[in-house]
Amino acid sequence: MSGWADERGGEGDGRIYVGNLPTDVREKDLEDLFYKYGRIREIELKNRQGLVPFAFVRFEDPRDAEDAIYGRNGYDYGQCRLRVEFPRTYGGRGGWPRGGRNGPPTRRSDFRVLVSGMFLSD
C-alpha cells in the first residue's frame, strides 16, 4: 500500500492518509469530506508552512476507511486532486521509514538520474 503512517496505524485500524490538500484546508473541511463514510474518531492535520498539507483520518470502523478511500481517492477538491490511501507502516526500530524518508509521499517528476562510470571488479 502507499501513503505514510507511523507505528500507530495501518490498514486494520481505520486510519487513512489524505494528501494533496489545499493550503487553506481546515479540520472541519476534512470532516465535511469524510463524515458520510462513517463515524470519525480522529483527524490529524499536518499543515506546515511551505509544504503541501496532508492529514490522517481515523474511522471507528476499518470498513469505513476502505469506503472513504474508494470514494475520495482522485476526488477533485477545489484546485486539488485528493490522494486518499491506507498509510504505509514503517519498518525497523524507532518508527522511521526505510531509506530515512520523512513526511508525505512525493510525486514522480520527469527528471531522472543517470549514473555512469561504475565498474565491477572480479
PDB file of N, CA and C in Angstrom:
ATOM      1  N   MET A   1       0.843  -1.185   0.000  1.00  0.00           N
ATOM      2  CA  MET A   1       0.000   0.000   0.000  1.00  0.00           C
ATOM      3  C   MET A   1       0.884   1.242   0.000  1.00  0.00           C
ATOM      4  N   SER A   2       0.299   2.389  -0.291  1.00  0.00           N
ATOM      5  CA  SER A   2       1.079   3.608  -0.299  1.00  0.00           C
ATOM      6  C   SER A   2       0.474   4.617   0.652  1.00  0.00           C
ATOM      7  N   GLY A   3       1.200   5.691   0.908  1.00  0.00           N
ATOM      8  CA  GLY A   3       0.801   6.680   1.904  1.00  0.00           C
ATOM      9  C   GLY A   3       1.825   6.672   3.014  1.00  0.00           C
ATOM     10  N   TRP A   4       1.585   7.371   4.105  1.00  0.00           N
ATOM     11  CA  TRP A   4       2.529   7.396   5.214  1.00  0.00           C
ATOM     12  C   TRP A   4       1.794   7.200   6.511  1.00  0.00           C
ATOM     13  N   ALA A   5       2.445   6.564   7.443  1.00  0.00           N
ATOM     14  CA  ALA A   5       1.899   6.375   8.784  1.00  0.00           C
ATOM     15  C   ALA A   5       3.068   6.196   9.720  1.00  0.00           C
ATOM     16  N   ASP A   6       2.759   5.891  10.950  1.00  0.00           N
ATOM     17  CA  ASP A   6       3.801   5.533  11.873  1.00  0.00           C
ATOM     18  C   ASP A   6       3.393   4.224  12.518  1.00  0.00           C
ATOM     19  N   GLU A   7       4.043   3.827  13.574  1.00  0.00           N
ATOM     20  CA  GLU A   7       3.765   2.535  14.167  1.00  0.00           C
ATOM     21  C   GLU A   7       2.369   2.451  14.764  1.00  0.00           C
ATOM     22  N   ARG A   8       1.673   3.565  14.884  1.00  0.00           N
ATOM     23  CA  ARG A   8       0.338   3.566  15.476  1.00  0.00           C
ATOM     24  C   ARG A   8      -0.736   3.108  14.503  1.00  0.00           C
ATOM     25  N   GLY A   9      -0.449   3.057  13.219  1.00  0.00           N
ATOM     26  CA  GLY A   9      -1.542   2.824  12.296  1.00  0.00           C
ATOM     27  C   GLY A   9      -1.224   1.901  11.155  1.00  0.00           C
ATOM     28  N   GLY A  10      -2.265   1.556  10.425  1.00  0.00           N
ATOM     29  CA  GLY A  10      -2.165   0.691   9.268  1.00  0.00           C
ATOM     30  C   GLY A  10      -3.560   0.419   8.756  1.00  0.00           C
ATOM     31  N   GLU A  11      -3.671  -0.560   7.885  1.00  0.00           N
ATOM     32  CA  GLU A  11      -4.951  -0.861   7.258  1.00  0.00           C
ATOM     33  C   GLU A  11      -6.016  -1.274   8.249  1.00  0.00           C
ATOM     34  N   GLY A  12      -5.668  -2.041   9.257  1.00  0.00           N
ATOM     35  CA  GLY A  12      -6.658  -2.628  10.136  1.00  0.00           C
ATOM     36  C   GLY A  12      -7.233  -1.721  11.194  1.00  0.00           C
ATOM     37  N   ASP A  13      -6.712  -0.525  11.351  1.00  0.00           N
ATOM     38  CA  ASP A  13      -7.189   0.325  12.449  1.00  0.00           C
ATOM     39  C   ASP A  13      -8.082   1.474  11.995  1.00  0.00           C
ATOM     40  N   GLY A  14      -8.459   1.504  10.727  1.00  0.00           N
ATOM     41  CA  GLY A  14      -9.377   2.530  10.247  1.00  0.00           C
ATOM     42  C   GLY A  14      -8.727   3.854   9.923  1.00  0.00           C
ATOM     43  N   ARG A  15      -7.415   3.876   9.822  1.00  0.00           N
ATOM     44  CA  ARG A  15      -6.685   5.128   9.572  1.00  0.00           C
ATOM     45  C   ARG A  15      -6.353   5.247   8.093  1.00  0.00           C
ATOM     46  N   ILE A  16      -6.576   6.441   7.522  1.00  0.00           N
ATOM     47  CA  ILE A  16      -6.250   6.694   6.129  1.00  0.00           C
ATOM     48  C   ILE A  16      -5.376   7.937   6.013  1.00  0.00           C
ATOM     49  N   TYR A  17      -4.610   7.982   4.943  1.00  0.00           N
ATOM     50  CA  TYR A  17      -3.781   9.136   4.590  1.00  0.00           C
ATOM     51  C   TYR A  17      -4.558   9.954   3.563  1.00  0.00           C
ATOM     52  N   VAL A  18      -4.569  11.279   3.735  1.00  0.00           N
ATOM     53  CA  VAL A  18      -5.202  12.183   2.775  1.00  0.00           C
ATOM     54  C   VAL A  18      -4.149  13.206   2.365  1.00  0.00           C
ATOM     55  N   GLY A  19      -3.764  13.175   1.105  1.00  0.00           N
ATOM     56  CA  GLY A  19      -2.711  14.064   0.621  1.00  0.00           C
ATOM     57  C   GLY A  19      -3.188  14.973  -0.491  1.00  0.00           C
ATOM     58  N   ASN A  20      -2.317  15.897  -0.843  1.00  0.00           N
ATOM     59  CA  ASN A  20      -2.566  16.887  -1.886  1.00  0.00           C
ATOM     60  C   ASN A  20      -3.748  17.786  -1.519  1.00  0.00           C
ATOM     61  N   LEU A  21      -3.742  18.245  -0.299  1.00  0.00           N
ATOM     62  CA  LEU A  21      -4.799  19.123   0.197  1.00  0.00           C
ATOM     63  C   LEU A  21      -4.474  20.582  -0.123  1.00  0.00           C
ATOM     64  N   PRO A  22      -5.486  21.433  -0.240  1.00  0.00           N
ATOM     65  CA  PRO A  22      -5.209  22.865  -0.440  1.00  0.00           C
ATOM     66  C   PRO A  22      -4.558  23.463   0.808  1.00  0.00           C
ATOM     67  N   THR A  23      -3.801  24.515   0.625  1.00  0.00           N
ATOM     68  CA  THR A  23      -3.053  25.106   1.744  1.00  0.00           C
ATOM     69  C   THR A  23      -3.943  25.704   2.818  1.00  0.00           C
ATOM     70  N   ASP A  24      -5.171  26.059   2.468  1.00  0.00           N
ATOM     71  CA  ASP A  24      -6.063  26.679   3.453  1.00  0.00           C
ATOM     72  C   ASP A  24      -7.047  25.687   4.081  1.00  0.00           C
ATOM     73  N   VAL A  25      -6.786  24.394   3.958  1.00  0.00           N
ATOM     74  CA  VAL A  25      -7.700  23.376   4.477  1.00  0.00           C
ATOM     75  C   VAL A  25      -7.755  23.419   6.006  1.00  0.00           C
ATOM     76  N   ARG A  26      -8.934  23.121   6.547  1.00  0.00           N
ATOM     77  CA  ARG A  26      -9.131  23.069   7.999  1.00  0.00           C
ATOM     78  C   ARG A  26      -9.654  21.693   8.375  1.00  0.00           C
ATOM     79  N   GLU A  27      -9.556  21.343   9.652  1.00  0.00           N
ATOM     80  CA  GLU A  27     -10.074  20.055  10.112  1.00  0.00           C
ATOM     81  C   GLU A  27     -11.556  19.918   9.789  1.00  0.00           C
ATOM     82  N   LYS A  28     -12.303  21.002   9.923  1.00  0.00           N
ATOM     83  CA  LYS A  28     -13.734  20.980   9.628  1.00  0.00           C
ATOM     84  C   LYS A  28     -13.985  20.612   8.170  1.00  0.00           C
ATOM     85  N   ASP A  29     -13.127  21.096   7.264  1.00  0.00           N
ATOM     86  CA  ASP A  29     -13.257  20.753   5.845  1.00  0.00           C
ATOM     87  C   ASP A  29     -13.094  19.251   5.639  1.00  0.00           C
ATOM     88  N   LEU A  30     -12.126  18.668   6.326  1.00  0.00           N
ATOM     89  CA  LEU A  30     -11.890  17.225   6.220  1.00  0.00           C
ATOM     90  C   LEU A  30     -13.064  16.441   6.795  1.00  0.00           C
ATOM     91  N   GLU A  31     -13.589  16.929   7.899  1.00  0.00           N
ATOM     92  CA  GLU A  31     -14.758  16.286   8.490  1.00  0.00           C
ATOM     93  C   GLU A  31     -15.929  16.312   7.498  1.00  0.00           C
ATOM     94  N   ASP A  32     -16.131  17.439   6.843  1.00  0.00           N
ATOM     95  CA  ASP A  32     -17.206  17.559   5.861  1.00  0.00           C
ATOM     96  C   ASP A  32     -16.993  16.607   4.675  1.00  0.00           C
ATOM     97  N   LEU A  33     -15.735  16.383   4.289  1.00  0.00           N
ATOM     98  CA  LEU A  33     -15.429  15.499   3.167  1.00  0.00           C
ATOM     99  C   LEU A  33     -15.658  14.022   3.482  1.00  0.00           C
ATOM    100  N   PHE A  34     -15.432  13.638   4.744  1.00  0.00           N
ATOM    101  CA  PHE A  34     -15.400  12.214   5.075  1.00  0.00           C
ATOM    102  C   PHE A  34     -16.507  11.718   6.003  1.00  0.00           C
ATOM    103  N   TYR A  35     -17.331  12.613   6.558  1.00  0.00           N
ATOM    104  CA  TYR A  35     -18.319  12.172   7.544  1.00  0.00           C
ATOM    105  C   TYR A  35     -19.297  11.149   6.971  1.00  0.00           C
ATOM    106  N   LYS A  36     -19.595  11.235   5.688  1.00  0.00           N
ATOM    107  CA  LYS A  36     -20.606  10.360   5.097  1.00  0.00           C
ATOM    108  C   LYS A  36     -20.147   8.905   4.994  1.00  0.00           C
ATOM    109  N   TYR A  37     -18.854   8.658   5.187  1.00  0.00           N
ATOM    110  CA  TYR A  37     -18.341   7.289   5.084  1.00  0.00           C
ATOM    111  C   TYR A  37     -18.407   6.540   6.412  1.00  0.00           C
ATOM    112  N   GLY A  38     -18.594   7.257   7.500  1.00  0.00           N
ATOM    113  CA  GLY A  38     -18.689   6.601   8.793  1.00  0.00           C
ATOM    114  C   GLY A  38     -18.259   7.529   9.908  1.00  0.00           C
ATOM    115  N   ARG A  39     -18.354   7.014  11.115  1.00  0.00           N
ATOM    116  CA  ARG A  39     -18.021   7.798  12.301  1.00  0.00           C
ATOM    117  C   ARG A  39     -16.504   8.019  12.387  1.00  0.00           C
ATOM    118  N   ILE A  40     -16.109   9.286  12.463  1.00  0.00           N
ATOM    119  CA  ILE A  40     -14.691   9.664  12.516  1.00  0.00           C
ATOM    120  C   ILE A  40     -14.261   9.745  13.971  1.00  0.00           C
ATOM    121  N   ARG A  41     -13.163   9.062  14.308  1.00  0.00           N
ATOM    122  CA  ARG A  41     -12.614   9.129  15.668  1.00  0.00           C
ATOM    123  C   ARG A  41     -11.622  10.267  15.828  1.00  0.00           C
ATOM    124  N   GLU A  42     -10.830  10.516  14.780  1.00  0.00           N
ATOM    125  CA  GLU A  42      -9.745  11.498  14.916  1.00  0.00           C
ATOM    126  C   GLU A  42      -9.347  12.029  13.546  1.00  0.00           C
ATOM    127  N   ILE A  43      -9.022  13.320  13.499  1.00  0.00           N
ATOM    128  CA  ILE A  43      -8.436  13.943  12.313  1.00  0.00           C
ATOM    129  C   ILE A  43      -7.141  14.596  12.752  1.00  0.00           C
ATOM    130  N   GLU A  44      -6.063  14.223  12.095  1.00  0.00           N
ATOM    131  CA  GLU A  44      -4.739  14.759  12.413  1.00  0.00           C
ATOM    132  C   GLU A  44      -4.223  15.502  11.183  1.00  0.00           C
ATOM    133  N   LEU A  45      -4.360  16.822  11.188  1.00  0.00           N
ATOM    134  CA  LEU A  45      -3.970  17.651  10.052  1.00  0.00           C
ATOM    135  C   LEU A  45      -2.528  18.112  10.221  1.00  0.00           C
ATOM    136  N   LYS A  46      -1.723  17.879   9.193  1.00  0.00           N
ATOM    137  CA  LYS A  46      -0.322  18.312   9.168  1.00  0.00           C
ATOM    138  C   LYS A  46      -0.217  19.429   8.138  1.00  0.00           C
ATOM    139  N   ASN A  47      -0.162  20.657   8.633  1.00  0.00           N
ATOM    140  CA  ASN A  47      -0.161  21.821   7.751  1.00  0.00           C
ATOM    141  C   ASN A  47       1.044  22.689   8.085  1.00  0.00           C
ATOM    142  N   ARG A  48       2.200  22.263   7.622  1.00  0.00           N
ATOM    143  CA  ARG A  48       3.435  23.015   7.881  1.00  0.00           C
ATOM    144  C   ARG A  48       3.630  24.072   6.806  1.00  0.00           C
ATOM    145  N   GLN A  49       3.997  25.243   7.244  1.00  0.00           N
ATOM    146  CA  GLN A  49       4.178  26.354   6.317  1.00  0.00           C
ATOM    147  C   GLN A  49       5.188  25.989   5.235  1.00  0.00           C
ATOM    148  N   GLY A  50       4.818  26.238   3.990  1.00  0.00           N
ATOM    149  CA  GLY A  50       5.710  25.981   2.860  1.00  0.00           C
ATOM    150  C   GLY A  50       5.575  24.590   2.274  1.00  0.00           C
ATOM    151  N   LEU A  51       4.828  23.689   2.926  1.00  0.00           N
ATOM    152  CA  LEU A  51       4.653  22.333   2.411  1.00  0.00           C
ATOM    153  C   LEU A  51       3.188  22.091   2.087  1.00  0.00           C
ATOM    154  N   VAL A  52       2.940  21.150   1.199  1.00  0.00           N
ATOM    155  CA  VAL A  52       1.565  20.786   0.868  1.00  0.00           C
ATOM    156  C   VAL A  52       0.972  20.057   2.075  1.00  0.00           C
ATOM    157  N   PRO A  53      -0.159  20.504   2.571  1.00  0.00           N
ATOM    158  CA  PRO A  53      -0.769  19.866   3.743  1.00  0.00           C
ATOM    159  C   PRO A  53      -1.202  18.427   3.449  1.00  0.00           C
ATOM    160  N   PHE A  54      -1.189  17.615   4.507  1.00  0.00           N
ATOM    161  CA  PHE A  54      -1.718  16.264   4.431  1.00  0.00           C
ATOM    162  C   PHE A  54      -2.357  15.958   5.773  1.00  0.00           C
ATOM    163  N   ALA A  55      -3.092  14.868   5.825  1.00  0.00           N
ATOM    164  CA  ALA A  55      -3.808  14.545   7.054  1.00  0.00           C
ATOM    165  C   ALA A  55      -3.954  13.037   7.206  1.00  0.00           C
ATOM    166  N   PHE A  56      -4.231  12.635   8.435  1.00  0.00           N
ATOM    167  CA  PHE A  56      -4.643  11.271   8.722  1.00  0.00           C
ATOM    168  C   PHE A  56      -6.034  11.355   9.317  1.00  0.00           C
ATOM    169  N   VAL A  57      -6.924  10.542   8.807  1.00  0.00           N
ATOM    170  CA  VAL A  57      -8.288  10.471   9.315  1.00  0.00           C
ATOM    171  C   VAL A  57      -8.492   9.045   9.817  1.00  0.00           C
ATOM    172  N   ARG A  58      -8.977   8.915  11.059  1.00  0.00           N
ATOM    173  CA  ARG A  58      -9.211   7.592  11.635  1.00  0.00           C
ATOM    174  C   ARG A  58     -10.712   7.396  11.844  1.00  0.00           C
ATOM    175  N   PHE A  59     -11.223   6.326  11.261  1.00  0.00           N
ATOM    176  CA  PHE A  59     -12.622   5.958  11.406  1.00  0.00           C
ATOM    177  C   PHE A  59     -12.760   4.910  12.507  1.00  0.00           C
ATOM    178  N   GLU A  60     -13.927   4.858  13.122  1.00  0.00           N
ATOM    179  CA  GLU A  60     -14.174   3.841  14.144  1.00  0.00           C
ATOM    180  C   GLU A  60     -14.192   2.448  13.541  1.00  0.00           C
ATOM    181  N   ASP A  61     -14.698   2.311  12.330  1.00  0.00           N
ATOM    182  CA  ASP A  61     -14.791   1.012  11.668  1.00  0.00           C
ATOM    183  C   ASP A  61     -13.831   0.993  10.482  1.00  0.00           C
ATOM    184  N   PRO A  62     -12.889   0.047  10.434  1.00  0.00           N
ATOM    185  CA  PRO A  62     -11.937  -0.022   9.317  1.00  0.00           C
ATOM    186  C   PRO A  62     -12.616  -0.155   7.949  1.00  0.00           C
ATOM    187  N   ARG A  63     -13.804  -0.722   7.898  1.00  0.00           N
ATOM    188  CA  ARG A  63     -14.516  -0.840   6.615  1.00  0.00           C
ATOM    189  C   ARG A  63     -14.915   0.531   6.088  1.00  0.00           C
ATOM    190  N   ASP A  64     -15.172   1.465   6.991  1.00  0.00           N
ATOM    191  CA  ASP A  64     -15.484   2.833   6.576  1.00  0.00           C
ATOM    192  C   ASP A  64     -14.263   3.494   5.931  1.00  0.00           C
ATOM    193  N   ALA A  65     -13.085   3.174   6.442  1.00  0.00           N
ATOM    194  CA  ALA A  65     -11.852   3.698   5.853  1.00  0.00           C
ATOM    195  C   ALA A  65     -11.701   3.209   4.413  1.00  0.00           C
ATOM    196  N   GLU A  66     -12.003   1.941   4.174  1.00  0.00           N
ATOM    197  CA  GLU A  66     -11.943   1.400   2.811  1.00  0.00           C
ATOM    198  C   GLU A  66     -12.919   2.130   1.897  1.00  0.00           C
ATOM    199  N   ASP A  67     -14.126   2.365   2.392  1.00  0.00           N
ATOM    200  CA  ASP A  67     -15.128   3.085   1.599  1.00  0.00           C
ATOM    201  C   ASP A  67     -14.665   4.508   1.283  1.00  0.00           C
ATOM    202  N   ALA A  68     -14.041   5.167   2.263  1.00  0.00           N
ATOM    203  CA  ALA A  68     -13.561   6.535   2.059  1.00  0.00           C
ATOM    204  C   ALA A  68     -12.452   6.577   1.011  1.00  0.00           C
ATOM    205  N   ILE A  69     -11.577   5.592   1.033  1.00  0.00           N
ATOM    206  CA  ILE A  69     -10.511   5.523   0.025  1.00  0.00           C
ATOM    207  C   ILE A  69     -11.129   5.360  -1.360  1.00  0.00           C
ATOM    208  N   TYR A  70     -12.062   4.431  -1.467  1.00  0.00           N
ATOM    209  CA  TYR A  70     -12.712   4.182  -2.747  1.00  0.00           C
ATOM    210  C   TYR A  70     -13.454   5.431  -3.242  1.00  0.00           C
ATOM    211  N   GLY A  71     -14.118   6.143  -2.334  1.00  0.00           N
ATOM    212  CA  GLY A  71     -14.931   7.277  -2.733  1.00  0.00           C
ATOM    213  C   GLY A  71     -14.201   8.586  -2.930  1.00  0.00           C
ATOM    214  N   ARG A  72     -13.063   8.765  -2.269  1.00  0.00           N
ATOM    215  CA  ARG A  72     -12.407  10.077  -2.305  1.00  0.00           C
ATOM    216  C   ARG A  72     -11.027  10.094  -2.958  1.00  0.00           C
ATOM    217  N   ASN A  73     -10.421   8.951  -3.234  1.00  0.00           N
ATOM    218  CA  ASN A  73      -9.128   8.972  -3.913  1.00  0.00           C
ATOM    219  C   ASN A  73      -9.323   9.482  -5.340  1.00  0.00           C
ATOM    220  N   GLY A  74      -8.588  10.524  -5.695  1.00  0.00           N
ATOM    221  CA  GLY A  74      -8.715  11.134  -7.010  1.00  0.00           C
ATOM    222  C   GLY A  74      -9.831  12.165  -7.099  1.00  0.00           C
ATOM    223  N   TYR A  75     -10.482  12.446  -5.990  1.00  0.00           N
ATOM    224  CA  TYR A  75     -11.586  13.410  -5.946  1.00  0.00           C
ATOM    225  C   TYR A  75     -11.043  14.825  -6.142  1.00  0.00           C
ATOM    226  N   ASP A  76     -11.688  15.590  -7.017  1.00  0.00           N
ATOM    227  CA  ASP A  76     -11.295  16.979  -7.238  1.00  0.00           C
ATOM    228  C   ASP A  76     -11.876  17.841  -6.133  1.00  0.00           C
ATOM    229  N   TYR A  77     -10.985  18.427  -5.340  1.00  0.00           N
ATOM    230  CA  TYR A  77     -11.374  19.267  -4.211  1.00  0.00           C
ATOM    231  C   TYR A  77     -10.781  20.645  -4.446  1.00  0.00           C
ATOM    232  N   GLY A  78     -11.606  21.567  -4.937  1.00  0.00           N
ATOM    233  CA  GLY A  78     -11.086  22.876  -5.332  1.00  0.00           C
ATOM    234  C   GLY A  78     -10.157  22.686  -6.520  1.00  0.00           C
ATOM    235  N   GLN A  79      -8.952  23.196  -6.404  1.00  0.00           N
ATOM    236  CA  GLN A  79      -7.944  23.052  -7.459  1.00  0.00           C
ATOM    237  C   GLN A  79      -7.063  21.822  -7.257  1.00  0.00           C
ATOM    238  N   CYS A  80      -7.377  21.011  -6.263  1.00  0.00           N
ATOM    239  CA  CYS A  80      -6.534  19.866  -5.912  1.00  0.00           C
ATOM    240  C   CYS A  80      -7.236  18.549  -6.190  1.00  0.00           C
ATOM    241  N   ARG A  81      -6.478  17.562  -6.600  1.00  0.00           N
ATOM    242  CA  ARG A  81      -6.987  16.204  -6.752  1.00  0.00           C
ATOM    243  C   ARG A  81      -6.474  15.402  -5.565  1.00  0.00           C
ATOM    244  N   LEU A  82      -7.387  14.996  -4.702  1.00  0.00           N
ATOM    245  CA  LEU A  82      -7.008  14.338  -3.453  1.00  0.00           C
ATOM    246  C   LEU A  82      -6.355  12.981  -3.690  1.00  0.00           C
ATOM    247  N   ARG A  83      -5.427  12.672  -2.818  1.00  0.00           N
ATOM    248  CA  ARG A  83      -4.789  11.357  -2.772  1.00  0.00           C
ATOM    249  C   ARG A  83      -5.197  10.735  -1.441  1.00  0.00           C
ATOM    250  N   VAL A  84      -6.002   9.696  -1.509  1.00  0.00           N
ATOM    251  CA  VAL A  84      -6.519   9.059  -0.300  1.00  0.00           C
ATOM    252  C   VAL A  84      -6.160   7.585  -0.364  1.00  0.00           C
ATOM    253  N   GLU A  85      -5.458   7.102   0.655  1.00  0.00           N
ATOM    254  CA  GLU A  85      -4.995   5.717   0.665  1.00  0.00           C
ATOM    255  C   GLU A  85      -4.669   5.284   2.081  1.00  0.00           C
ATOM    256  N   PHE A  86      -4.456   3.969   2.243  1.00  0.00           N
ATOM    257  CA  PHE A  86      -4.014   3.494   3.545  1.00  0.00           C
ATOM    258  C   PHE A  86      -2.595   3.981   3.784  1.00  0.00           C
ATOM    259  N   PRO A  87      -2.270   4.327   5.020  1.00  0.00           N
ATOM    260  CA  PRO A  87      -0.902   4.760   5.312  1.00  0.00           C
ATOM    261  C   PRO A  87       0.076   3.605   5.221  1.00  0.00           C
ATOM    262  N   ARG A  88       1.305   3.935   4.937  1.00  0.00           N
ATOM    263  CA  ARG A  88       2.379   2.940   4.980  1.00  0.00           C
ATOM    264  C   ARG A  88       2.766   2.736   6.427  1.00  0.00           C
ATOM    265  N   THR A  89       3.152   1.544   6.760  1.00  0.00           N
ATOM    266  CA  THR A  89       3.704   1.302   8.085  1.00  0.00           C
ATOM    267  C   THR A  89       5.210   1.272   7.948  1.00  0.00           C
ATOM    268  N   TYR A  90       5.879   1.801   8.927  1.00  0.00           N
ATOM    269  CA  TYR A  90       7.327   1.885   8.880  1.00  0.00           C
ATOM    270  C   TYR A  90       7.939   0.563   9.301  1.00  0.00           C
ATOM    271  N   GLY A  91       9.082   0.255   8.697  1.00  0.00           N
ATOM    272  CA  GLY A  91       9.822  -0.934   9.097  1.00  0.00           C
ATOM    273  C   GLY A  91      10.989  -0.543   9.973  1.00  0.00           C
ATOM    274  N   GLY A  92      11.457  -1.478  10.734  1.00  0.00           N
ATOM    275  CA  GLY A  92      12.623  -1.229  11.574  1.00  0.00           C
ATOM    276  C   GLY A  92      12.255  -0.604  12.896  1.00  0.00           C
ATOM    277  N   ARG A  93      13.277  -0.262  13.680  1.00  0.00           N
ATOM    278  CA  ARG A  93      13.053   0.310  15.006  1.00  0.00           C
ATOM    279  C   ARG A  93      12.845   1.808  14.952  1.00  0.00           C
ATOM    280  N   GLY A  94      12.207   2.318  15.991  1.00  0.00           N
ATOM    281  CA  GLY A  94      12.089   3.755  16.153  1.00  0.00           C
ATOM    282  C   GLY A  94      11.025   4.410  15.298  1.00  0.00           C
ATOM    283  N   GLY A  95      10.316   3.626  14.491  1.00  0.00           N
ATOM    284  CA  GLY A  95       9.241   4.194  13.709  1.00  0.00           C
ATOM    285  C   GLY A  95       9.688   5.016  12.515  1.00  0.00           C
ATOM    286  N   TRP A  96      10.956   4.900  12.110  1.00  0.00           N
ATOM    287  CA  TRP A  96      11.414   5.669  10.959  1.00  0.00           C
ATOM    288  C   TRP A  96      11.224   4.853   9.703  1.00  0.00           C
ATOM    289  N   PRO A  97      10.866   5.515   8.599  1.00  0.00           N
ATOM    290  CA  PRO A  97      10.668   4.773   7.361  1.00  0.00           C
ATOM    291  C   PRO A  97      11.986   4.242   6.827  1.00  0.00           C
ATOM    292  N   ARG A  98      11.926   3.163   6.110  1.00  0.00           N
ATOM    293  CA  ARG A  98      13.131   2.634   5.461  1.00  0.00           C
ATOM    294  C   ARG A  98      13.633   3.662   4.469  1.00  0.00           C
ATOM    295  N   GLY A  99      14.930   3.795   4.386  1.00  0.00           N
ATOM    296  CA  GLY A  99      15.515   4.762   3.476  1.00  0.00           C
ATOM    297  C   GLY A  99      15.631   6.148   4.082  1.00  0.00           C
ATOM    298  N   GLY A 100      15.173   6.343   5.307  1.00  0.00           N
ATOM    299  CA  GLY A 100      15.347   7.601   6.007  1.00  0.00           C
ATOM    300  C   GLY A 100      14.425   8.715   5.552  1.00  0.00           C
ATOM    301  N   ARG A 101      13.384   8.419   4.809  1.00  0.00           N
ATOM    302  CA  ARG A 101      12.473   9.474   4.355  1.00  0.00           C
ATOM    303  C   ARG A 101      11.523   9.856   5.464  1.00  0.00           C
ATOM    304  N   ASN A 102      11.056  11.067   5.402  1.00  0.00           N
ATOM    305  CA  ASN A 102      10.155  11.551   6.437  1.00  0.00           C
ATOM    306  C   ASN A 102       9.165  12.510   5.791  1.00  0.00           C
ATOM    307  N   GLY A 103       7.865  12.338   6.044  1.00  0.00           N
ATOM    308  CA  GLY A 103       6.872  13.247   5.516  1.00  0.00           C
ATOM    309  C   GLY A 103       5.958  12.581   4.518  1.00  0.00           C
ATOM    310  N   PRO A 104       5.171  13.377   3.832  1.00  0.00           N
ATOM    311  CA  PRO A 104       4.202  12.811   2.901  1.00  0.00           C
ATOM    312  C   PRO A 104       4.885  12.267   1.650  1.00  0.00           C
ATOM    313  N   PRO A 105       4.202  11.399   0.930  1.00  0.00           N
ATOM    314  CA  PRO A 105       4.798  10.891  -0.301  1.00  0.00           C
ATOM    315  C   PRO A 105       4.993  12.018  -1.305  1.00  0.00           C
ATOM    316  N   THR A 106       6.003  11.880  -2.133  1.00  0.00           N
ATOM    317  CA  THR A 106       6.267  12.886  -3.160  1.00  0.00           C
ATOM    318  C   THR A 106       5.746  12.380  -4.490  1.00  0.00           C
ATOM    319  N   ARG A 107       5.547  13.281  -5.385  1.00  0.00           N
ATOM    320  CA  ARG A 107       5.106  12.913  -6.726  1.00  0.00           C
ATOM    321  C   ARG A 107       6.311  12.622  -7.587  1.00  0.00           C
ATOM    322  N   ARG A 108       6.137  11.749  -8.549  1.00  0.00           N
ATOM    323  CA  ARG A 108       7.196  11.499  -9.516  1.00  0.00           C
ATOM    324  C   ARG A 108       7.343  12.716 -10.422  1.00  0.00           C
ATOM    325  N   SER A 109       8.550  12.958 -10.852  1.00  0.00           N
ATOM    326  CA  SER A 109       8.776  14.049 -11.793  1.00  0.00           C
ATOM    327  C   SER A 109       9.311  13.470 -13.087  1.00  0.00           C
ATOM    328  N   ASP A 110       9.487  14.317 -14.075  1.00  0.00           N
ATOM    329  CA  ASP A 110      10.041  13.878 -15.352  1.00  0.00           C
ATOM    330  C   ASP A 110      11.562  13.801 -15.317  1.00  0.00           C
ATOM    331  N   PHE A 111      12.173  14.188 -14.196  1.00  0.00           N
ATOM    332  CA  PHE A 111      13.619  14.181 -14.084  1.00  0.00           C
ATOM    333  C   PHE A 111      14.104  12.823 -13.587  1.00  0.00           C
ATOM    334  N   ARG A 112      15.209  12.347 -14.133  1.00  0.00           N
ATOM    335  CA  ARG A 112      15.804  11.084 -13.732  1.00  0.00           C
ATOM    336  C   ARG A 112      17.299  11.287 -13.524  1.00  0.00           C
ATOM    337  N   VAL A 113      17.898  10.403 -12.762  1.00  0.00           N
ATOM    338  CA  VAL A 113      19.333  10.450 -12.512  1.00  0.00           C
ATOM    339  C   VAL A 113      19.988   9.341 -13.317  1.00  0.00           C
ATOM    340  N   LEU A 114      21.014   9.680 -14.053  1.00  0.00           N
ATOM    341  CA  LEU A 114      21.765   8.714 -14.830  1.00  0.00           C
ATOM    342  C   LEU A 114      23.124   8.539 -14.167  1.00  0.00           C
ATOM    343  N   VAL A 115      23.427   7.327 -13.761  1.00  0.00           N
ATOM    344  CA  VAL A 115      24.700   7.025 -13.120  1.00  0.00           C
ATOM    345  C   VAL A 115      25.562   6.300 -14.131  1.00  0.00           C
ATOM    346  N   SER A 116      26.772   6.789 -14.330  1.00  0.00           N
ATOM    347  CA  SER A 116      27.681   6.137 -15.272  1.00  0.00           C
ATOM    348  C   SER A 116      29.067   6.062 -14.648  1.00  0.00           C
ATOM    349  N   GLY A 117      29.931   5.287 -15.282  1.00  0.00           N
ATOM    350  CA  GLY A 117      31.304   5.192 -14.810  1.00  0.00           C
ATOM    351  C   GLY A 117      31.486   4.207 -13.654  1.00  0.00           C
ATOM    352  N   MET A 118      30.524   3.367 -13.406  1.00  0.00           N
ATOM    353  CA  MET A 118      30.673   2.377 -12.338  1.00  0.00           C
ATOM    354  C   MET A 118      31.234   1.092 -12.955  1.00  0.00           C
ATOM    355  N   PHE A 119      32.240   0.545 -12.310  1.00  0.00           N
ATOM    356  CA  PHE A 119      32.882  -0.652 -12.831  1.00  0.00           C
ATOM    357  C   PHE A 119      32.774  -1.764 -11.806  1.00  0.00           C
ATOM    358  N   LEU A 120      32.565  -2.960 -12.294  1.00  0.00           N
ATOM    359  CA  LEU A 120      32.551  -4.136 -11.431  1.00  0.00           C
ATOM    360  C   LEU A 120      33.927  -4.777 -11.492  1.00  0.00           C
ATOM    361  N   SER A 121      34.439  -5.175 -10.370  1.00  0.00           N
ATOM    362  CA  SER A 121      35.730  -5.861 -10.347  1.00  0.00           C
ATOM    363  C   SER A 121      35.501  -7.338 -10.086  1.00  0.00           C
ATOM    364  N   ASP A 122      36.412  -8.168 -10.591  1.00  0.00           N
ATOM    365  CA  ASP A 122      36.293  -9.628 -10.406  1.00  0.00           C
ATOM    366  C   ASP A 122      36.779 -10.068  -9.068  1.00  0.00           C
TER     367      ASP A 122
END
